[in-house]
Amino acid sequence: IPLGIDNKAAIETTTSGRPGPGRHIWDIFHRRLQRTRTKHPDFKLRVDWTPGHVDIPGNEAADEAAKRAA
């Protein structure tokens, strides 16, 4: 499953092991991902950087949802 993220700092936080913006959210995500992989060993997730605000429909929708939540 591809997962597009438009925040390079957030992606780097996932691999660095150092605290950073949103690190607690990534920790929750990783725990849930591990549970999913335990139940479904063939599950694969690919995290990709996606440029923001370039007319990618899913990214634009996520950006609008984030603005409403803020």
PDB file of N, CA and C in Angstrom:
ATOM      1  N   ILE A   1       0.857  -1.169   0.000  1.00  0.00           N
ATOM      2  CA  ILE A   1       0.000   0.000   0.000  1.00  0.00           C
ATOM      3  C   ILE A   1       0.902   1.230   0.000  1.00  0.00           C
ATOM      4  N   PRO A   2       0.763   2.099  -0.975  1.00  0.00           N
ATOM      5  CA  PRO A   2       1.540   3.338  -0.963  1.00  0.00           C
ATOM      6  C   PRO A   2       0.895   4.382  -0.055  1.00  0.00           C
ATOM      7  N   LEU A   3       1.725   5.076   0.695  1.00  0.00           N
ATOM      8  CA  LEU A   3       1.267   6.149   1.582  1.00  0.00           C
ATOM      9  C   LEU A   3       2.060   7.400   1.227  1.00  0.00           C
ATOM     10  N   GLY A   4       1.390   8.399   0.669  1.00  0.00           N
ATOM     11  CA  GLY A   4       2.055   9.640   0.285  1.00  0.00           C
ATOM     12  C   GLY A   4       1.985  10.667   1.402  1.00  0.00           C
ATOM     13  N   ILE A   5       3.135  11.232   1.743  1.00  0.00           N
ATOM     14  CA  ILE A   5       3.225  12.244   2.799  1.00  0.00           C
ATOM     15  C   ILE A   5       3.966  13.444   2.226  1.00  0.00           C
ATOM     16  N   ASP A   6       3.420  14.645   2.440  1.00  0.00           N
ATOM     17  CA  ASP A   6       4.047  15.837   1.859  1.00  0.00           C
ATOM     18  C   ASP A   6       4.923  16.597   2.851  1.00  0.00           C
ATOM     19  N   ASN A   7       5.332  15.945   3.921  1.00  0.00           N
ATOM     20  CA  ASN A   7       6.157  16.589   4.943  1.00  0.00           C
ATOM     21  C   ASN A   7       7.428  15.764   5.133  1.00  0.00           C
ATOM     22  N   LYS A   8       8.530  16.244   4.537  1.00  0.00           N
ATOM     23  CA  LYS A   8       9.788  15.486   4.613  1.00  0.00           C
ATOM     24  C   LYS A   8      10.274  15.328   6.050  1.00  0.00           C
ATOM     25  N   ALA A   9      10.085  16.339   6.881  1.00  0.00           N
ATOM     26  CA  ALA A   9      10.525  16.245   8.282  1.00  0.00           C
ATOM     27  C   ALA A   9       9.795  15.113   8.995  1.00  0.00           C
ATOM     28  N   ALA A  10       8.517  14.955   8.714  1.00  0.00           N
ATOM     29  CA  ALA A  10       7.755  13.870   9.340  1.00  0.00           C
ATOM     30  C   ALA A  10       8.269  12.513   8.886  1.00  0.00           C
ATOM     31  N   ILE A  11       8.599  12.391   7.611  1.00  0.00           N
ATOM     32  CA  ILE A  11       9.133  11.126   7.100  1.00  0.00           C
ATOM     33  C   ILE A  11      10.478  10.831   7.747  1.00  0.00           C
ATOM     34  N   GLU A  12      11.344  11.839   7.851  1.00  0.00           N
ATOM     35  CA  GLU A  12      12.661  11.639   8.460  1.00  0.00           C
ATOM     36  C   GLU A  12      12.539  11.260   9.932  1.00  0.00           C
ATOM     37  N   THR A  13      11.536  11.784  10.614  1.00  0.00           N
ATOM     38  CA  THR A  13      11.315  11.443  12.019  1.00  0.00           C
ATOM     39  C   THR A  13      11.050   9.950  12.173  1.00  0.00           C
ATOM     40  N   THR A  14      10.389   9.353  11.190  1.00  0.00           N
ATOM     41  CA  THR A  14      10.047   7.929  11.295  1.00  0.00           C
ATOM     42  C   THR A  14      11.275   7.044  11.238  1.00  0.00           C
ATOM     43  N   THR A  15      12.329   7.487  10.569  1.00  0.00           N
ATOM     44  CA  THR A  15      13.513   6.643  10.412  1.00  0.00           C
ATOM     45  C   THR A  15      14.672   7.051  11.304  1.00  0.00           C
ATOM     46  N   SER A  16      14.636   8.254  11.864  1.00  0.00           N
ATOM     47  CA  SER A  16      15.785   8.736  12.630  1.00  0.00           C
ATOM     48  C   SER A  16      15.826   8.196  14.053  1.00  0.00           C
ATOM     49  N   GLY A  17      14.649   7.902  14.621  1.00  0.00           N
ATOM     50  CA  GLY A  17      14.602   7.480  16.016  1.00  0.00           C
ATOM     51  C   GLY A  17      14.693   8.640  16.990  1.00  0.00           C
ATOM     52  N   ARG A  18      14.898   9.851  16.470  1.00  0.00           N
ATOM     53  CA  ARG A  18      14.976  11.037  17.326  1.00  0.00           C
ATOM     54  C   ARG A  18      13.601  11.673  17.456  1.00  0.00           C
ATOM     55  N   PRO A  19      13.351  12.320  18.576  1.00  0.00           N
ATOM     56  CA  PRO A  19      12.079  13.035  18.720  1.00  0.00           C
ATOM     57  C   PRO A  19      11.960  14.126  17.663  1.00  0.00           C
ATOM     58  N   GLY A  20      10.772  14.355  17.223  1.00  0.00           N
ATOM     59  CA  GLY A  20      10.532  15.399  16.243  1.00  0.00           C
ATOM     60  C   GLY A  20       9.052  15.715  16.198  1.00  0.00           C
ATOM     61  N   PRO A  21       8.674  16.585  15.274  1.00  0.00           N
ATOM     62  CA  PRO A  21       7.265  16.950  15.203  1.00  0.00           C
ATOM     63  C   PRO A  21       6.396  15.731  14.900  1.00  0.00           C
ATOM     64  N   GLY A  22       5.395  15.527  15.713  1.00  0.00           N
ATOM     65  CA  GLY A  22       4.473  14.427  15.477  1.00  0.00           C
ATOM     66  C   GLY A  22       5.005  13.050  15.804  1.00  0.00           C
ATOM     67  N   ARG A  23       6.129  12.986  16.503  1.00  0.00           N
ATOM     68  CA  ARG A  23       6.740  11.678  16.792  1.00  0.00           C
ATOM     69  C   ARG A  23       5.778  10.755  17.540  1.00  0.00           C
ATOM     70  N   HIS A  24       5.023  11.289  18.481  1.00  0.00           N
ATOM     71  CA  HIS A  24       4.094  10.441  19.243  1.00  0.00           C
ATOM     72  C   HIS A  24       3.035   9.821  18.333  1.00  0.00           C
ATOM     73  N   ILE A  25       2.638  10.551  17.297  1.00  0.00           N
ATOM     74  CA  ILE A  25       1.665  10.012  16.347  1.00  0.00           C
ATOM     75  C   ILE A  25       2.291   8.865  15.557  1.00  0.00           C
ATOM     76  N   TRP A  26       3.556   9.038  15.148  1.00  0.00           N
ATOM     77  CA  TRP A  26       4.239   7.965  14.421  1.00  0.00           C
ATOM     78  C   TRP A  26       4.418   6.736  15.297  1.00  0.00           C
ATOM     79  N   ASP A  27       4.678   6.941  16.587  1.00  0.00           N
ATOM     80  CA  ASP A  27       4.815   5.793  17.495  1.00  0.00           C
ATOM     81  C   ASP A  27       3.517   4.987  17.543  1.00  0.00           C
ATOM     82  N   ILE A  28       2.388   5.666  17.619  1.00  0.00           N
ATOM     83  CA  ILE A  28       1.090   4.985  17.596  1.00  0.00           C
ATOM     84  C   ILE A  28       0.910   4.259  16.265  1.00  0.00           C
ATOM     85  N   PHE A  29       1.233   4.943  15.177  1.00  0.00           N
ATOM     86  CA  PHE A  29       1.110   4.357  13.844  1.00  0.00           C
ATOM     87  C   PHE A  29       1.952   3.089  13.734  1.00  0.00           C
ATOM     88  N   HIS A  30       3.198   3.135  14.223  1.00  0.00           N
ATOM     89  CA  HIS A  30       4.082   1.967  14.139  1.00  0.00           C
ATOM     90  C   HIS A  30       3.551   0.800  14.962  1.00  0.00           C
ATOM     91  N   ARG A  31       2.995   1.069  16.127  1.00  0.00           N
ATOM     92  CA  ARG A  31       2.408  -0.018  16.926  1.00  0.00           C
ATOM     93  C   ARG A  31       1.253  -0.679  16.182  1.00  0.00           C
ATOM     94  N   ARG A  32       0.418   0.124  15.579  1.00  0.00           N
ATOM     95  CA  ARG A  32      -0.714  -0.432  14.824  1.00  0.00           C
ATOM     96  C   ARG A  32      -0.231  -1.169  13.578  1.00  0.00           C
ATOM     97  N   LEU A  33       0.798  -0.643  12.952  1.00  0.00           N
ATOM     98  CA  LEU A  33       1.365  -1.316  11.789  1.00  0.00           C
ATOM     99  C   LEU A  33       1.923  -2.681  12.177  1.00  0.00           C
ATOM    100  N   GLN A  34       2.603  -2.764  13.307  1.00  0.00           N
ATOM    101  CA  GLN A  34       3.135  -4.048  13.772  1.00  0.00           C
ATOM    102  C   GLN A  34       2.014  -5.046  14.033  1.00  0.00           C
ATOM    103  N   ARG A  35       0.920  -4.597  14.639  1.00  0.00           N
ATOM    104  CA  ARG A  35      -0.228  -5.493  14.869  1.00  0.00           C
ATOM    105  C   ARG A  35      -0.792  -5.992  13.542  1.00  0.00           C
ATOM    106  N   THR A  36      -0.878  -5.096  12.569  1.00  0.00           N
ATOM    107  CA  THR A  36      -1.388  -5.484  11.253  1.00  0.00           C
ATOM    108  C   THR A  36      -0.473  -6.513  10.616  1.00  0.00           C
ATOM    109  N   ARG A  37       0.838  -6.299  10.699  1.00  0.00           N
ATOM    110  CA  ARG A  37       1.792  -7.245  10.108  1.00  0.00           C
ATOM    111  C   ARG A  37       1.774  -8.593  10.812  1.00  0.00           C
ATOM    112  N   THR A  38       1.473  -8.599  12.102  1.00  0.00           N
ATOM    113  CA  THR A  38       1.359  -9.865  12.828  1.00  0.00           C
ATOM    114  C   THR A  38       0.176 -10.667  12.291  1.00  0.00           C
ATOM    115  N   LYS A  39      -0.932  -9.988  12.055  1.00  0.00           N
ATOM    116  CA  LYS A  39      -2.132 -10.661  11.548  1.00  0.00           C
ATOM    117  C   LYS A  39      -2.049 -10.959  10.054  1.00  0.00           C
ATOM    118  N   HIS A  40      -1.323 -10.128   9.320  1.00  0.00           N
ATOM    119  CA  HIS A  40      -1.231 -10.247   7.860  1.00  0.00           C
ATOM    120  C   HIS A  40       0.245 -10.142   7.453  1.00  0.00           C
ATOM    121  N   PRO A  41       1.003 -11.235   7.548  1.00  0.00           N
ATOM    122  CA  PRO A  41       2.452 -11.184   7.312  1.00  0.00           C
ATOM    123  C   PRO A  41       2.863 -10.661   5.931  1.00  0.00           C
ATOM    124  N   ASP A  42       1.998 -10.767   4.939  1.00  0.00           N
ATOM    125  CA  ASP A  42       2.351 -10.303   3.594  1.00  0.00           C
ATOM    126  C   ASP A  42       2.051  -8.818   3.375  1.00  0.00           C
ATOM    127  N   PHE A  43       1.542  -8.147   4.408  1.00  0.00           N
ATOM    128  CA  PHE A  43       1.202  -6.731   4.288  1.00  0.00           C
ATOM    129  C   PHE A  43       2.468  -5.909   4.074  1.00  0.00           C
ATOM    130  N   LYS A  44       2.425  -5.036   3.070  1.00  0.00           N
ATOM    131  CA  LYS A  44       3.563  -4.155   2.787  1.00  0.00           C
ATOM    132  C   LYS A  44       3.054  -2.718   2.691  1.00  0.00           C
ATOM    133  N   LEU A  45       3.826  -1.817   3.254  1.00  0.00           N
ATOM    134  CA  LEU A  45       3.497  -0.397   3.222  1.00  0.00           C
ATOM    135  C   LEU A  45       4.712   0.349   2.693  1.00  0.00           C
ATOM    136  N   ARG A  46       4.485   1.232   1.739  1.00  0.00           N
ATOM    137  CA  ARG A  46       5.569   2.043   1.186  1.00  0.00           C
ATOM    138  C   ARG A  46       5.254   3.508   1.476  1.00  0.00           C
ATOM    139  N   VAL A  47       6.168   4.193   2.137  1.00  0.00           N
ATOM    140  CA  VAL A  47       5.994   5.616   2.438  1.00  0.00           C
ATOM    141  C   VAL A  47       6.771   6.415   1.400  1.00  0.00           C
ATOM    142  N   ASP A  48       6.065   7.301   0.723  1.00  0.00           N
ATOM    143  CA  ASP A  48       6.671   8.138  -0.313  1.00  0.00           C
ATOM    144  C   ASP A  48       6.445   9.606   0.016  1.00  0.00           C
ATOM    145  N   TRP A  49       7.423  10.436  -0.343  1.00  0.00           N
ATOM    146  CA  TRP A  49       7.224  11.869  -0.251  1.00  0.00           C
ATOM    147  C   TRP A  49       6.373  12.295  -1.443  1.00  0.00           C
ATOM    148  N   THR A  50       5.373  13.103  -1.182  1.00  0.00           N
ATOM    149  CA  THR A  50       4.478  13.612  -2.214  1.00  0.00           C
ATOM    150  C   THR A  50       4.536  15.130  -2.160  1.00  0.00           C
ATOM    151  N   PRO A  51       4.885  15.782  -3.260  1.00  0.00           N
ATOM    152  CA  PRO A  51       4.916  17.242  -3.217  1.00  0.00           C
ATOM    153  C   PRO A  51       3.542  17.797  -2.865  1.00  0.00           C
ATOM    154  N   GLY A  52       3.519  18.775  -1.994  1.00  0.00           N
ATOM    155  CA  GLY A  52       2.249  19.367  -1.576  1.00  0.00           C
ATOM    156  C   GLY A  52       1.711  20.354  -2.593  1.00  0.00           C
ATOM    157  N   HIS A  53       0.417  20.471  -2.640  1.00  0.00           N
ATOM    158  CA  HIS A  53      -0.276  21.484  -3.443  1.00  0.00           C
ATOM    159  C   HIS A  53       0.070  21.406  -4.929  1.00  0.00           C
ATOM    160  N   VAL A  54       0.045  20.208  -5.486  1.00  0.00           N
ATOM    161  CA  VAL A  54       0.322  20.060  -6.916  1.00  0.00           C
ATOM    162  C   VAL A  54      -0.807  19.309  -7.620  1.00  0.00           C
ATOM    163  N   ASP A  55      -2.014  19.546  -7.179  1.00  0.00           N
ATOM    164  CA  ASP A  55      -3.197  18.964  -7.819  1.00  0.00           C
ATOM    165  C   ASP A  55      -3.229  17.440  -7.787  1.00  0.00           C
ATOM    166  N   ILE A  56      -2.751  16.852  -6.713  1.00  0.00           N
ATOM    167  CA  ILE A  56      -2.922  15.421  -6.487  1.00  0.00           C
ATOM    168  C   ILE A  56      -4.201  15.304  -5.662  1.00  0.00           C
ATOM    169  N   PRO A  57      -5.281  14.749  -6.228  1.00  0.00           N
ATOM    170  CA  PRO A  57      -6.591  14.801  -5.558  1.00  0.00           C
ATOM    171  C   PRO A  57      -6.580  14.319  -4.105  1.00  0.00           C
ATOM    172  N   GLY A  58      -5.983  13.199  -3.820  1.00  0.00           N
ATOM    173  CA  GLY A  58      -5.955  12.700  -2.443  1.00  0.00           C
ATOM    174  C   GLY A  58      -5.198  13.630  -1.515  1.00  0.00           C
ATOM    175  N   ASN A  59      -4.100  14.190  -1.994  1.00  0.00           N
ATOM    176  CA  ASN A  59      -3.301  15.095  -1.174  1.00  0.00           C
ATOM    177  C   ASN A  59      -4.055  16.398  -0.925  1.00  0.00           C
ATOM    178  N   GLU A  60      -4.728  16.893  -1.936  1.00  0.00           N
ATOM    179  CA  GLU A  60      -5.509  18.125  -1.764  1.00  0.00           C
ATOM    180  C   GLU A  60      -6.635  17.909  -0.758  1.00  0.00           C
ATOM    181  N   ALA A  61      -7.293  16.753  -0.821  1.00  0.00           N
ATOM    182  CA  ALA A  61      -8.375  16.454   0.125  1.00  0.00           C
ATOM    183  C   ALA A  61      -7.834  16.345   1.547  1.00  0.00           C
ATOM    184  N   ALA A  62      -6.679  15.706   1.704  1.00  0.00           N
ATOM    185  CA  ALA A  62      -6.069  15.579   3.032  1.00  0.00           C
ATOM    186  C   ALA A  62      -5.667  16.947   3.570  1.00  0.00           C
ATOM    187  N   ASP A  63      -5.155  17.810   2.702  1.00  0.00           N
ATOM    188  CA  ASP A  63      -4.763  19.157   3.122  1.00  0.00           C
ATOM    189  C   ASP A  63      -5.982  19.947   3.603  1.00  0.00           C
ATOM    190  N   GLU A  64      -7.080  19.836   2.891  1.00  0.00           N
ATOM    191  CA  GLU A  64      -8.306  20.531   3.305  1.00  0.00           C
ATOM    192  C   GLU A  64      -8.811  20.001   4.645  1.00  0.00           C
ATOM    193  N   ALA A  65      -8.757  18.682   4.836  1.00  0.00           N
ATOM    194  CA  ALA A  65      -9.197  18.088   6.107  1.00  0.00           C
ATOM    195  C   ALA A  65      -8.308  18.560   7.255  1.00  0.00           C
ATOM    196  N   ALA A  66      -7.003  18.660   7.007  1.00  0.00           N
ATOM    197  CA  ALA A  66      -6.074  19.122   8.045  1.00  0.00           C
ATOM    198  C   ALA A  66      -6.355  20.577   8.411  1.00  0.00           C
ATOM    199  N   LYS A  67      -6.656  21.394   7.425  1.00  0.00           N
ATOM    200  CA  LYS A  67      -6.972  22.800   7.695  1.00  0.00           C
ATOM    201  C   LYS A  67      -8.231  22.923   8.540  1.00  0.00           C
ATOM    202  N   ARG A  68      -9.235  22.094   8.246  1.00  0.00           N
ATOM    203  CA  ARG A  68     -10.478  22.145   9.027  1.00  0.00           C
ATOM    204  C   ARG A  68     -10.245  21.678  10.461  1.00  0.00           C
ATOM    205  N   ALA A  69      -9.344  20.718  10.636  1.00  0.00           N
ATOM    206  CA  ALA A  69      -9.087  20.168  11.973  1.00  0.00           C
ATOM    207  C   ALA A  69      -8.247  21.107  12.829  1.00  0.00           C
ATOM    208  N   ALA A  70      -7.473  21.980  12.187  1.00  0.00           N
ATOM    209  CA  ALA A  70      -6.565  22.868  12.934  1.00  0.00           C
ATOM    210  C   ALA A  70      -7.295  23.967  13.655  1.00  0.00           C
TER     211      ALA A  70
END
